Amino acid sequence: MARKKFTTSLDEEVIKQLKLQAVKENTDASKIIEKLVKEYLQKMSDLREGS
């Protein structure tokens, strides 16, 4: 799947913690955000299908 830039705003402290976590995991913030968004979307899809 092609990647596309997406701009949003987050609390400064959240960004700081996200960047620190990315360093600890030897990855980048974008990959962490993408993983979390995919998990959230899957959860929401599962909830809709279950209701």
C-alpha atoms as a PDB file:
ATOM      1  CA  MET A   1       0.000   0.000   0.000  1.00  0.00           C
ATOM      2  CA  ALA A   2       1.314   3.452  -0.898  1.00  0.00           C
ATOM      3  CA  ARG A   3       2.157   5.856   1.882  1.00  0.00           C
ATOM      4  CA  LYS A   4       0.783   9.392   1.979  1.00  0.00           C
ATOM      5  CA  LYS A   5       1.573  12.300   4.290  1.00  0.00           C
ATOM      6  CA  PHE A   6      -1.070  13.161   6.871  1.00  0.00           C
ATOM      7  CA  THR A   7      -0.807  16.205   9.103  1.00  0.00           C
ATOM      8  CA  THR A   8      -2.480  16.503  12.492  1.00  0.00           C
ATOM      9  CA  SER A   9      -1.931  18.219  15.834  1.00  0.00           C
ATOM     10  CA  LEU A  10      -1.120  16.520  19.126  1.00  0.00           C
ATOM     11  CA  ASP A  11      -0.321  17.727  22.610  1.00  0.00           C
ATOM     12  CA  GLU A  12       3.378  18.600  22.899  1.00  0.00           C
ATOM     13  CA  GLU A  13       3.901  16.158  25.768  1.00  0.00           C
ATOM     14  CA  VAL A  14       2.287  13.339  23.780  1.00  0.00           C
ATOM     15  CA  ILE A  15       4.634  14.047  20.870  1.00  0.00           C
ATOM     16  CA  LYS A  16       7.635  14.043  23.206  1.00  0.00           C
ATOM     17  CA  GLN A  17       6.640  10.712  24.755  1.00  0.00           C
ATOM     18  CA  LEU A  18       5.857   9.235  21.333  1.00  0.00           C
ATOM     19  CA  LYS A  19       9.286  10.162  19.985  1.00  0.00           C
ATOM     20  CA  LEU A  20      11.016   8.750  23.065  1.00  0.00           C
ATOM     21  CA  GLN A  21       9.084   5.502  22.735  1.00  0.00           C
ATOM     22  CA  ALA A  22       9.972   5.276  19.058  1.00  0.00           C
ATOM     23  CA  VAL A  23      13.669   5.532  19.932  1.00  0.00           C
ATOM     24  CA  LYS A  24      13.279   2.812  22.588  1.00  0.00           C
ATOM     25  CA  GLU A  25      11.610   0.545  20.008  1.00  0.00           C
ATOM     26  CA  ASN A  26      14.106   1.433  17.261  1.00  0.00           C
ATOM     27  CA  THR A  27      11.278   2.596  15.005  1.00  0.00           C
ATOM     28  CA  ASP A  28       9.671   5.902  14.109  1.00  0.00           C
ATOM     29  CA  ALA A  29       6.623   7.737  15.395  1.00  0.00           C
ATOM     30  CA  SER A  30       4.710   7.253  12.142  1.00  0.00           C
ATOM     31  CA  LYS A  31       4.912   3.478  12.409  1.00  0.00           C
ATOM     32  CA  ILE A  32       3.659   3.540  15.997  1.00  0.00           C
ATOM     33  CA  ILE A  33       0.767   5.834  15.076  1.00  0.00           C
ATOM     34  CA  GLU A  34      -0.135   3.705  12.050  1.00  0.00           C
ATOM     35  CA  LYS A  35      -0.153   0.526  14.159  1.00  0.00           C
ATOM     36  CA  LEU A  36      -2.367   2.117  16.809  1.00  0.00           C
ATOM     37  CA  VAL A  37      -4.807   3.559  14.262  1.00  0.00           C
ATOM     38  CA  LYS A  38      -5.110   0.172  12.523  1.00  0.00           C
ATOM     39  CA  GLU A  39      -5.788  -1.514  15.874  1.00  0.00           C
ATOM     40  CA  TYR A  40      -8.419   1.114  16.721  1.00  0.00           C
ATOM     41  CA  LEU A  41     -10.149   0.787  13.342  1.00  0.00           C
ATOM     42  CA  GLN A  42     -10.203  -3.005  13.639  1.00  0.00           C
ATOM     43  CA  LYS A  43     -11.672  -2.767  17.140  1.00  0.00           C
ATOM     44  CA  MET A  44     -14.390  -0.382  15.938  1.00  0.00           C
ATOM     45  CA  SER A  45     -15.157  -2.671  13.003  1.00  0.00           C
ATOM     46  CA  ASP A  46     -15.416  -5.672  15.331  1.00  0.00           C
ATOM     47  CA  LEU A  47     -17.765  -3.756  17.653  1.00  0.00           C
ATOM     48  CA  ARG A  48     -20.028  -2.723  14.758  1.00  0.00           C
ATOM     49  CA  GLU A  49     -20.196  -6.284  13.480  1.00  0.00           C
ATOM     50  CA  GLY A  50     -21.001  -7.565  16.956  1.00  0.00           C
ATOM     51  CA  SER A  51     -23.897  -5.179  17.637  1.00  0.00           C
END
